[in-house]
N, C-alpha and C. Protein backbone atom coordinates (compact mmCIF):
# COMPACT_ATOMS: atom_id res chain seq x y z
N MET A 1 -109.10 -34.14 -27.23
CA MET A 1 -109.91 -34.69 -26.21
C MET A 1 -109.43 -36.01 -25.68
N LYS A 2 -109.00 -36.91 -26.74
CA LYS A 2 -108.55 -38.23 -26.43
C LYS A 2 -107.16 -38.18 -25.52
N SER A 3 -106.38 -37.15 -25.82
CA SER A 3 -105.18 -37.07 -25.06
C SER A 3 -105.46 -36.65 -23.63
N PHE A 4 -106.44 -35.71 -23.45
CA PHE A 4 -106.83 -35.41 -22.14
C PHE A 4 -107.31 -36.63 -21.37
N ILE A 5 -108.23 -37.39 -21.84
CA ILE A 5 -108.82 -38.53 -21.23
C ILE A 5 -107.64 -39.47 -20.89
N PHE A 6 -106.68 -39.75 -21.85
CA PHE A 6 -105.55 -40.64 -21.49
C PHE A 6 -104.86 -40.30 -20.29
N TRP A 7 -104.59 -38.92 -20.16
CA TRP A 7 -103.75 -38.50 -19.04
C TRP A 7 -104.56 -38.46 -17.73
N GLN A 8 -105.94 -38.20 -17.92
CA GLN A 8 -106.82 -38.10 -16.67
C GLN A 8 -106.88 -39.52 -16.16
N ARG A 9 -107.06 -40.48 -17.01
CA ARG A 9 -107.17 -41.90 -16.57
C ARG A 9 -105.81 -42.40 -16.11
N TRP A 10 -104.70 -41.96 -16.71
CA TRP A 10 -103.33 -42.23 -16.10
C TRP A 10 -103.30 -41.85 -14.71
N LEU A 11 -103.72 -40.61 -14.44
CA LEU A 11 -103.65 -40.04 -13.04
C LEU A 11 -104.58 -40.86 -12.20
N PHE A 12 -105.70 -41.19 -12.67
CA PHE A 12 -106.71 -42.06 -11.74
C PHE A 12 -106.14 -43.38 -11.53
N TYR A 13 -105.84 -44.08 -12.60
CA TYR A 13 -105.39 -45.54 -12.34
C TYR A 13 -104.05 -45.70 -11.63
N SER A 14 -103.10 -44.66 -11.83
CA SER A 14 -101.87 -44.77 -11.15
C SER A 14 -102.02 -44.49 -9.73
N SER A 15 -103.10 -43.60 -9.44
CA SER A 15 -103.35 -43.36 -8.04
C SER A 15 -103.98 -44.52 -7.36
N VAL A 16 -104.79 -45.26 -8.06
CA VAL A 16 -105.36 -46.41 -7.46
C VAL A 16 -104.31 -47.58 -7.14
N LEU A 17 -103.27 -47.61 -8.18
CA LEU A 17 -102.20 -48.57 -7.83
C LEU A 17 -101.39 -48.13 -6.70
N PHE A 18 -101.05 -46.85 -6.57
CA PHE A 18 -100.27 -46.44 -5.42
C PHE A 18 -101.03 -46.55 -4.18
N ALA A 19 -102.39 -46.42 -4.16
CA ALA A 19 -103.13 -46.60 -2.86
C ALA A 19 -103.00 -48.08 -2.63
N LEU A 20 -103.11 -49.06 -3.48
CA LEU A 20 -102.96 -50.46 -3.21
C LEU A 20 -101.60 -50.79 -2.59
N PHE A 21 -100.61 -50.16 -3.21
CA PHE A 21 -99.23 -50.24 -2.68
C PHE A 21 -99.21 -49.77 -1.17
N GLY A 22 -99.82 -48.56 -0.91
CA GLY A 22 -99.84 -48.18 0.48
C GLY A 22 -100.58 -49.14 1.42
N ILE A 23 -101.66 -49.73 0.92
CA ILE A 23 -102.27 -50.70 1.72
C ILE A 23 -101.41 -51.97 1.94
N ALA A 24 -100.69 -52.46 0.94
CA ALA A 24 -99.80 -53.62 1.08
C ALA A 24 -98.64 -53.24 2.02
N PHE A 25 -98.10 -52.00 1.92
CA PHE A 25 -97.10 -51.69 2.91
C PHE A 25 -97.60 -51.57 4.24
N ALA A 26 -98.73 -51.16 4.52
CA ALA A 26 -99.35 -50.99 5.86
C ALA A 26 -99.52 -52.36 6.41
N VAL A 27 -100.06 -53.39 5.72
CA VAL A 27 -100.51 -54.60 6.29
C VAL A 27 -99.40 -55.66 6.15
N TYR A 28 -98.47 -55.54 5.22
CA TYR A 28 -97.46 -56.56 4.97
C TYR A 28 -96.19 -55.92 4.38
N GLY A 29 -95.64 -55.07 5.31
CA GLY A 29 -94.39 -54.34 4.85
C GLY A 29 -93.18 -55.08 4.81
N SER A 30 -93.29 -56.37 5.29
CA SER A 30 -92.06 -57.24 5.28
C SER A 30 -92.18 -58.24 4.14
N ASN A 31 -92.98 -57.98 3.19
CA ASN A 31 -93.14 -58.95 2.09
C ASN A 31 -91.87 -58.86 1.10
N PRO A 32 -91.69 -59.88 0.28
CA PRO A 32 -90.50 -59.96 -0.52
C PRO A 32 -90.26 -58.78 -1.43
N LEU A 33 -91.37 -58.13 -1.90
CA LEU A 33 -91.24 -56.92 -2.75
C LEU A 33 -90.62 -55.78 -2.06
N PHE A 34 -90.82 -55.72 -0.75
CA PHE A 34 -90.30 -54.48 -0.05
C PHE A 34 -88.97 -54.84 0.61
N LEU A 35 -88.53 -56.17 0.57
CA LEU A 35 -87.30 -56.48 1.17
C LEU A 35 -86.05 -55.67 0.89
N PRO A 36 -85.87 -55.40 -0.45
CA PRO A 36 -84.67 -54.49 -0.86
C PRO A 36 -84.78 -53.14 -0.14
N TYR A 37 -85.97 -52.64 -0.08
CA TYR A 37 -86.14 -51.23 0.62
C TYR A 37 -85.78 -51.35 2.12
N ASN A 38 -86.33 -52.43 2.71
CA ASN A 38 -86.06 -52.62 4.11
C ASN A 38 -84.50 -52.84 4.37
N ASN A 39 -83.95 -53.65 3.66
CA ASN A 39 -82.51 -53.93 3.69
C ASN A 39 -81.65 -52.77 3.44
N ALA A 40 -82.03 -51.89 2.48
CA ALA A 40 -81.31 -50.58 2.24
C ALA A 40 -81.35 -49.74 3.48
N LEU A 41 -82.49 -49.57 4.10
CA LEU A 41 -82.65 -48.79 5.31
C LEU A 41 -81.76 -49.41 6.46
N ALA A 42 -81.83 -50.70 6.56
CA ALA A 42 -80.97 -51.27 7.56
C ALA A 42 -79.60 -50.98 7.39
N GLN A 43 -79.11 -50.95 6.19
CA GLN A 43 -77.58 -50.67 5.97
C GLN A 43 -77.30 -49.17 6.22
N ILE A 44 -78.16 -48.37 5.82
CA ILE A 44 -78.01 -46.90 6.00
C ILE A 44 -77.95 -46.60 7.48
N PHE A 45 -78.79 -47.19 8.19
CA PHE A 45 -78.91 -46.86 9.67
C PHE A 45 -78.00 -47.87 10.52
N GLY A 46 -77.10 -48.43 9.88
CA GLY A 46 -76.07 -49.21 10.66
C GLY A 46 -76.46 -50.53 11.26
N PHE A 47 -77.49 -51.24 10.72
CA PHE A 47 -77.95 -52.50 11.31
C PHE A 47 -77.42 -53.68 10.53
N GLY A 48 -76.53 -53.43 9.51
CA GLY A 48 -76.09 -54.47 8.80
C GLY A 48 -76.88 -54.61 7.45
N LYS A 49 -76.98 -55.86 6.96
CA LYS A 49 -77.54 -56.08 5.66
C LYS A 49 -79.06 -56.29 5.80
N SER A 50 -79.58 -56.32 6.99
CA SER A 50 -81.08 -56.63 7.13
C SER A 50 -81.44 -56.04 8.47
N MET A 51 -82.79 -55.88 8.63
CA MET A 51 -83.30 -55.30 9.95
C MET A 51 -83.05 -56.35 11.05
N PRO A 52 -82.56 -56.02 12.11
CA PRO A 52 -82.45 -56.99 13.25
C PRO A 52 -83.87 -57.32 13.75
N GLU A 53 -83.94 -58.48 14.24
CA GLU A 53 -85.27 -59.06 14.88
C GLU A 53 -85.80 -58.22 16.00
N SER A 54 -84.86 -57.55 16.68
CA SER A 54 -85.19 -56.73 17.81
C SER A 54 -85.96 -55.51 17.47
N ILE A 55 -85.80 -54.96 16.32
CA ILE A 55 -86.64 -53.79 15.84
C ILE A 55 -87.72 -54.18 14.93
N GLU A 56 -87.78 -55.39 14.56
CA GLU A 56 -89.01 -55.78 13.71
C GLU A 56 -90.28 -55.36 14.11
N PRO A 57 -90.67 -55.36 15.37
CA PRO A 57 -92.06 -54.86 15.82
C PRO A 57 -92.10 -53.36 15.49
N PHE A 58 -91.15 -52.58 15.67
CA PHE A 58 -91.16 -51.26 15.42
C PHE A 58 -91.33 -50.99 13.90
N ARG A 59 -90.57 -51.62 13.15
CA ARG A 59 -90.58 -51.50 11.72
C ARG A 59 -91.94 -51.83 11.22
N ALA A 60 -92.52 -52.97 11.71
CA ALA A 60 -93.84 -53.40 11.27
C ALA A 60 -94.83 -52.44 11.69
N PHE A 61 -94.79 -51.82 12.85
CA PHE A 61 -95.77 -50.75 13.34
C PHE A 61 -95.61 -49.55 12.43
N ILE A 62 -94.41 -48.99 12.26
CA ILE A 62 -94.22 -47.73 11.58
C ILE A 62 -94.64 -47.86 10.17
N TRP A 63 -94.47 -48.92 9.50
CA TRP A 63 -94.90 -49.11 8.20
C TRP A 63 -96.48 -48.99 8.05
N GLY A 64 -97.09 -49.35 9.16
CA GLY A 64 -98.55 -49.36 9.23
C GLY A 64 -99.12 -47.90 9.02
N PRO A 65 -98.80 -46.92 9.77
CA PRO A 65 -99.19 -45.52 9.58
C PRO A 65 -98.70 -44.97 8.23
N ILE A 66 -97.48 -45.29 7.86
CA ILE A 66 -96.94 -44.75 6.74
C ILE A 66 -97.73 -45.30 5.42
N GLY A 67 -97.96 -46.63 5.34
CA GLY A 67 -98.74 -47.18 4.33
C GLY A 67 -100.23 -46.65 4.38
N ALA A 68 -100.80 -46.45 5.53
CA ALA A 68 -102.06 -45.98 5.59
C ALA A 68 -102.17 -44.49 5.06
N THR A 69 -101.20 -43.75 5.30
CA THR A 69 -101.06 -42.42 4.78
C THR A 69 -100.95 -42.38 3.38
N ILE A 70 -100.08 -43.26 2.77
CA ILE A 70 -99.97 -43.27 1.37
C ILE A 70 -101.21 -43.76 0.69
N ALA A 71 -101.94 -44.76 1.28
CA ALA A 71 -103.25 -45.15 0.74
C ALA A 71 -104.27 -43.93 0.76
N CYS A 72 -104.27 -43.24 1.88
CA CYS A 72 -105.27 -42.12 2.00
C CYS A 72 -104.91 -41.09 0.96
N ALA A 73 -103.80 -40.67 0.91
CA ALA A 73 -103.38 -39.60 -0.08
C ALA A 73 -103.80 -39.99 -1.61
N TYR A 74 -103.45 -41.28 -1.91
CA TYR A 74 -103.72 -41.63 -3.24
C TYR A 74 -105.25 -41.91 -3.49
N ILE A 75 -105.97 -42.47 -2.59
CA ILE A 75 -107.33 -42.45 -2.76
C ILE A 75 -108.03 -41.18 -2.99
N LEU A 76 -107.51 -40.16 -2.20
CA LEU A 76 -108.08 -38.77 -2.36
C LEU A 76 -107.73 -38.29 -3.77
N LEU A 77 -106.49 -38.54 -4.20
CA LEU A 77 -106.00 -38.19 -5.52
C LEU A 77 -106.92 -38.85 -6.57
N ALA A 78 -107.20 -40.10 -6.39
CA ALA A 78 -108.02 -40.88 -7.40
C ALA A 78 -109.35 -40.20 -7.58
N PHE A 79 -109.94 -39.74 -6.37
CA PHE A 79 -111.31 -39.09 -6.47
C PHE A 79 -111.16 -37.74 -7.18
N ILE A 80 -110.07 -37.09 -6.89
CA ILE A 80 -109.87 -35.79 -7.65
C ILE A 80 -109.67 -35.90 -9.06
N ALA A 81 -108.80 -36.91 -9.44
CA ALA A 81 -108.66 -37.24 -10.87
C ALA A 81 -109.92 -37.63 -11.57
N TRP A 82 -110.69 -38.40 -10.94
CA TRP A 82 -111.93 -38.97 -11.64
C TRP A 82 -113.01 -37.93 -11.81
N TYR A 83 -113.22 -36.95 -10.80
CA TYR A 83 -114.32 -35.98 -10.89
C TYR A 83 -113.80 -34.56 -11.24
N PRO A 84 -113.34 -33.86 -10.33
CA PRO A 84 -112.96 -32.37 -10.75
C PRO A 84 -111.83 -32.22 -11.75
N PHE A 85 -110.80 -33.09 -11.77
CA PHE A 85 -109.80 -33.04 -12.74
C PHE A 85 -110.42 -33.43 -14.05
N HIS A 86 -111.25 -34.36 -14.26
CA HIS A 86 -111.96 -34.69 -15.47
C HIS A 86 -112.83 -33.59 -15.96
N ARG A 87 -113.39 -32.83 -15.01
CA ARG A 87 -114.14 -31.68 -15.45
C ARG A 87 -113.26 -30.47 -15.65
N LYS A 88 -111.99 -30.58 -15.70
CA LYS A 88 -110.91 -29.53 -15.87
C LYS A 88 -111.15 -28.42 -14.89
N GLU A 89 -111.45 -28.73 -13.73
CA GLU A 89 -111.55 -27.68 -12.67
C GLU A 89 -110.19 -27.33 -12.27
N ARG A 90 -109.69 -26.10 -12.40
CA ARG A 90 -108.31 -25.72 -12.16
C ARG A 90 -107.84 -25.93 -10.73
N TRP A 91 -108.84 -25.84 -9.76
CA TRP A 91 -108.43 -26.10 -8.41
C TRP A 91 -107.91 -27.47 -8.12
N ALA A 92 -108.40 -28.49 -8.99
CA ALA A 92 -108.12 -29.75 -8.83
C ALA A 92 -106.55 -29.96 -9.21
N ARG A 93 -106.23 -29.40 -10.40
CA ARG A 93 -104.88 -29.45 -10.82
C ARG A 93 -103.95 -28.79 -9.77
N ASN A 94 -104.33 -27.60 -9.37
CA ASN A 94 -103.48 -26.91 -8.36
C ASN A 94 -103.30 -27.64 -6.96
N ALA A 95 -104.40 -28.26 -6.57
CA ALA A 95 -104.37 -28.96 -5.26
C ALA A 95 -103.36 -30.08 -5.43
N ILE A 96 -103.37 -30.79 -6.55
CA ILE A 96 -102.46 -31.90 -6.76
C ILE A 96 -100.95 -31.38 -6.66
N ILE A 97 -100.80 -30.29 -7.39
CA ILE A 97 -99.36 -29.59 -7.37
C ILE A 97 -99.04 -29.23 -5.95
N ALA A 98 -99.89 -28.62 -5.24
CA ALA A 98 -99.55 -28.17 -3.84
C ALA A 98 -99.22 -29.30 -3.01
N ALA A 99 -100.19 -30.24 -2.97
CA ALA A 99 -100.02 -31.34 -2.08
C ALA A 99 -98.79 -32.16 -2.26
N PHE A 100 -98.52 -32.55 -3.65
CA PHE A 100 -97.31 -33.33 -3.91
C PHE A 100 -96.16 -32.47 -3.84
N GLY A 101 -96.21 -31.19 -4.09
CA GLY A 101 -95.01 -30.32 -3.91
C GLY A 101 -94.61 -30.24 -2.48
N VAL A 102 -95.50 -30.13 -1.63
CA VAL A 102 -95.13 -30.08 -0.20
C VAL A 102 -94.57 -31.43 0.30
N TRP A 103 -95.23 -32.56 -0.09
CA TRP A 103 -94.69 -33.86 0.31
C TRP A 103 -93.30 -34.03 -0.32
N VAL A 104 -93.02 -33.78 -1.61
CA VAL A 104 -91.64 -34.08 -2.13
C VAL A 104 -90.66 -33.26 -1.47
N ILE A 105 -90.94 -31.94 -1.18
CA ILE A 105 -89.93 -31.15 -0.63
C ILE A 105 -89.63 -31.58 0.88
N LEU A 106 -90.71 -31.88 1.68
CA LEU A 106 -90.48 -32.23 3.04
C LEU A 106 -89.71 -33.70 3.07
N ASP A 107 -90.20 -34.66 2.17
CA ASP A 107 -89.65 -36.04 2.16
C ASP A 107 -88.15 -35.93 1.72
N SER A 108 -87.96 -35.08 0.65
CA SER A 108 -86.57 -34.99 0.19
C SER A 108 -85.66 -34.44 1.18
N VAL A 109 -85.98 -33.40 1.88
CA VAL A 109 -85.22 -32.84 2.88
C VAL A 109 -84.89 -33.81 3.93
N VAL A 110 -85.74 -34.63 4.38
CA VAL A 110 -85.57 -35.63 5.45
C VAL A 110 -84.64 -36.74 4.82
N CYS A 111 -84.86 -37.12 3.72
CA CYS A 111 -84.04 -38.23 2.96
C CYS A 111 -82.48 -37.63 3.01
N ILE A 112 -82.34 -36.49 2.50
CA ILE A 112 -81.06 -35.86 2.51
C ILE A 112 -80.39 -35.71 3.86
N LYS A 113 -81.15 -35.37 4.80
CA LYS A 113 -80.63 -35.17 6.16
C LYS A 113 -80.17 -36.51 6.75
N TYR A 114 -80.83 -37.66 6.40
CA TYR A 114 -80.48 -38.87 6.98
C TYR A 114 -79.66 -39.76 5.93
N GLY A 115 -79.46 -39.28 4.79
CA GLY A 115 -78.58 -40.00 3.78
C GLY A 115 -79.41 -41.07 3.12
N VAL A 116 -80.70 -41.09 3.02
CA VAL A 116 -81.47 -41.99 2.34
C VAL A 116 -81.66 -41.57 0.86
N TYR A 117 -80.46 -41.50 0.18
CA TYR A 117 -80.61 -40.94 -1.13
C TYR A 117 -81.35 -41.75 -2.14
N PHE A 118 -81.31 -43.15 -1.99
CA PHE A 118 -82.03 -43.94 -2.97
C PHE A 118 -83.53 -43.69 -2.86
N GLN A 119 -84.04 -43.17 -1.84
CA GLN A 119 -85.43 -42.83 -1.85
C GLN A 119 -85.73 -41.65 -2.72
N LEU A 120 -84.82 -40.73 -2.76
CA LEU A 120 -85.05 -39.65 -3.69
C LEU A 120 -85.27 -40.00 -5.11
N TYR A 121 -84.58 -41.02 -5.48
CA TYR A 121 -84.61 -41.41 -6.96
C TYR A 121 -85.74 -42.41 -7.14
N LEU A 122 -85.81 -43.47 -6.23
CA LEU A 122 -86.76 -44.57 -6.41
C LEU A 122 -88.20 -44.19 -6.07
N VAL A 123 -88.32 -43.54 -4.96
CA VAL A 123 -89.70 -43.25 -4.55
C VAL A 123 -90.17 -41.77 -4.98
N ASN A 124 -89.41 -40.81 -4.55
CA ASN A 124 -89.77 -39.39 -4.89
C ASN A 124 -89.77 -39.15 -6.37
N GLY A 125 -88.66 -39.40 -6.98
CA GLY A 125 -88.57 -39.25 -8.38
C GLY A 125 -89.55 -39.91 -9.29
N PHE A 126 -89.79 -41.21 -8.92
CA PHE A 126 -90.76 -41.93 -9.71
C PHE A 126 -92.18 -41.52 -9.44
N SER A 127 -92.45 -41.17 -8.21
CA SER A 127 -93.93 -40.85 -7.91
C SER A 127 -94.26 -39.37 -8.52
N ILE A 128 -93.31 -38.48 -8.35
CA ILE A 128 -93.49 -37.18 -9.00
C ILE A 128 -93.62 -37.26 -10.47
N SER A 129 -92.73 -38.14 -11.21
CA SER A 129 -92.80 -38.27 -12.62
C SER A 129 -94.23 -38.82 -13.05
N ILE A 130 -94.66 -39.73 -12.29
CA ILE A 130 -96.05 -40.32 -12.69
C ILE A 130 -97.16 -39.28 -12.51
N LYS A 131 -97.01 -38.32 -11.45
CA LYS A 131 -98.08 -37.40 -11.22
C LYS A 131 -97.84 -36.26 -12.19
N ALA A 132 -96.53 -35.90 -12.50
CA ALA A 132 -96.13 -34.68 -13.31
C ALA A 132 -96.72 -34.81 -14.71
N LEU A 133 -96.38 -35.93 -15.38
CA LEU A 133 -96.78 -36.17 -16.73
C LEU A 133 -98.26 -35.79 -17.05
N PRO A 134 -99.20 -36.24 -16.39
CA PRO A 134 -100.57 -35.80 -16.68
C PRO A 134 -100.73 -34.28 -16.53
N LEU A 135 -100.19 -33.62 -15.61
CA LEU A 135 -100.28 -32.19 -15.27
C LEU A 135 -99.67 -31.40 -16.49
N ILE A 136 -98.48 -31.90 -16.86
CA ILE A 136 -97.77 -31.17 -17.99
C ILE A 136 -98.57 -31.28 -19.23
N PHE A 137 -99.12 -32.49 -19.64
CA PHE A 137 -99.66 -32.68 -20.85
C PHE A 137 -101.20 -32.22 -20.89
N THR A 138 -101.77 -31.86 -19.83
CA THR A 138 -103.11 -31.33 -19.82
C THR A 138 -103.15 -29.92 -19.38
N TRP A 139 -101.89 -29.31 -19.14
CA TRP A 139 -101.95 -27.95 -18.60
C TRP A 139 -102.70 -26.85 -19.53
N LYS A 140 -102.61 -26.87 -20.76
CA LYS A 140 -103.35 -26.00 -21.59
C LYS A 140 -104.70 -26.11 -21.57
N GLN A 141 -105.23 -27.31 -21.46
CA GLN A 141 -106.66 -27.65 -21.52
C GLN A 141 -107.39 -27.00 -20.27
N PHE A 142 -106.66 -26.99 -19.19
CA PHE A 142 -107.18 -26.31 -17.98
C PHE A 142 -107.33 -24.68 -18.24
N SER A 143 -106.35 -24.21 -18.90
CA SER A 143 -106.42 -22.73 -19.29
C SER A 143 -107.50 -22.42 -20.22
N ASN A 144 -107.63 -23.28 -21.25
CA ASN A 144 -108.69 -23.03 -22.23
C ASN A 144 -110.07 -23.22 -21.62
N HIS A 145 -110.19 -24.23 -20.74
CA HIS A 145 -111.51 -24.44 -20.10
C HIS A 145 -111.85 -23.32 -19.27
N ALA A 146 -110.85 -22.82 -18.48
CA ALA A 146 -111.15 -21.65 -17.66
C ALA A 146 -111.62 -20.40 -18.40
N LEU A 147 -110.95 -20.22 -19.58
CA LEU A 147 -111.36 -19.13 -20.49
C LEU A 147 -112.82 -19.21 -21.01
N LEU A 148 -113.10 -20.49 -21.36
CA LEU A 148 -114.44 -20.79 -21.88
C LEU A 148 -115.48 -20.53 -20.81
N ASN A 149 -115.15 -21.04 -19.64
CA ASN A 149 -116.22 -20.74 -18.53
C ASN A 149 -116.33 -19.26 -18.20
N LYS A 150 -115.17 -18.54 -18.14
CA LYS A 150 -115.33 -17.13 -17.90
C LYS A 150 -116.13 -16.45 -18.99
N SER A 151 -115.93 -16.70 -20.20
CA SER A 151 -116.75 -16.07 -21.24
C SER A 151 -118.15 -16.44 -21.25
N THR A 152 -118.37 -17.72 -20.93
CA THR A 152 -119.88 -18.03 -20.75
C THR A 152 -120.58 -17.38 -19.64
N LEU A 153 -119.82 -17.25 -18.54
CA LEU A 153 -120.45 -16.40 -17.34
C LEU A 153 -120.76 -15.01 -17.77
N GLN A 154 -120.11 -14.44 -18.69
CA GLN A 154 -120.41 -12.98 -19.12
C GLN A 154 -121.55 -12.80 -20.01
N ILE A 155 -122.01 -13.97 -20.55
CA ILE A 155 -123.14 -13.82 -21.45
C ILE A 155 -124.47 -13.72 -20.86
């Protein structure tokens, strides 16, 4: 049980941190922490070593909806992790797998299409690893819980 609680809280607290990251990205995407990411995108898309001033308003705008979407997804995941995942409701685990599976496939295809390979490793790989670990280490507990619920319903 301690192992399950550890991974459930890992999922919850990492989701809260990712949501805070999304908020920071939305409201201050040009902060020093995100500078390497912005500069890497500038190089990939032929702008030189940094984003030109002429596109700064566009960059600032587009990071707003992207950051807001990140925050939204991770706040939702935090609620799923805290309540139904904690109760070992199988749909919660499956929803996490489905949602993040769709995201990583779509995001990875777009990254490959445009040659933004560093995002595959830094963002996608890291994010999926953080979310996959709790799912992997709690997988059997969801199966056992479902069997217990099924046998209880038959009594």
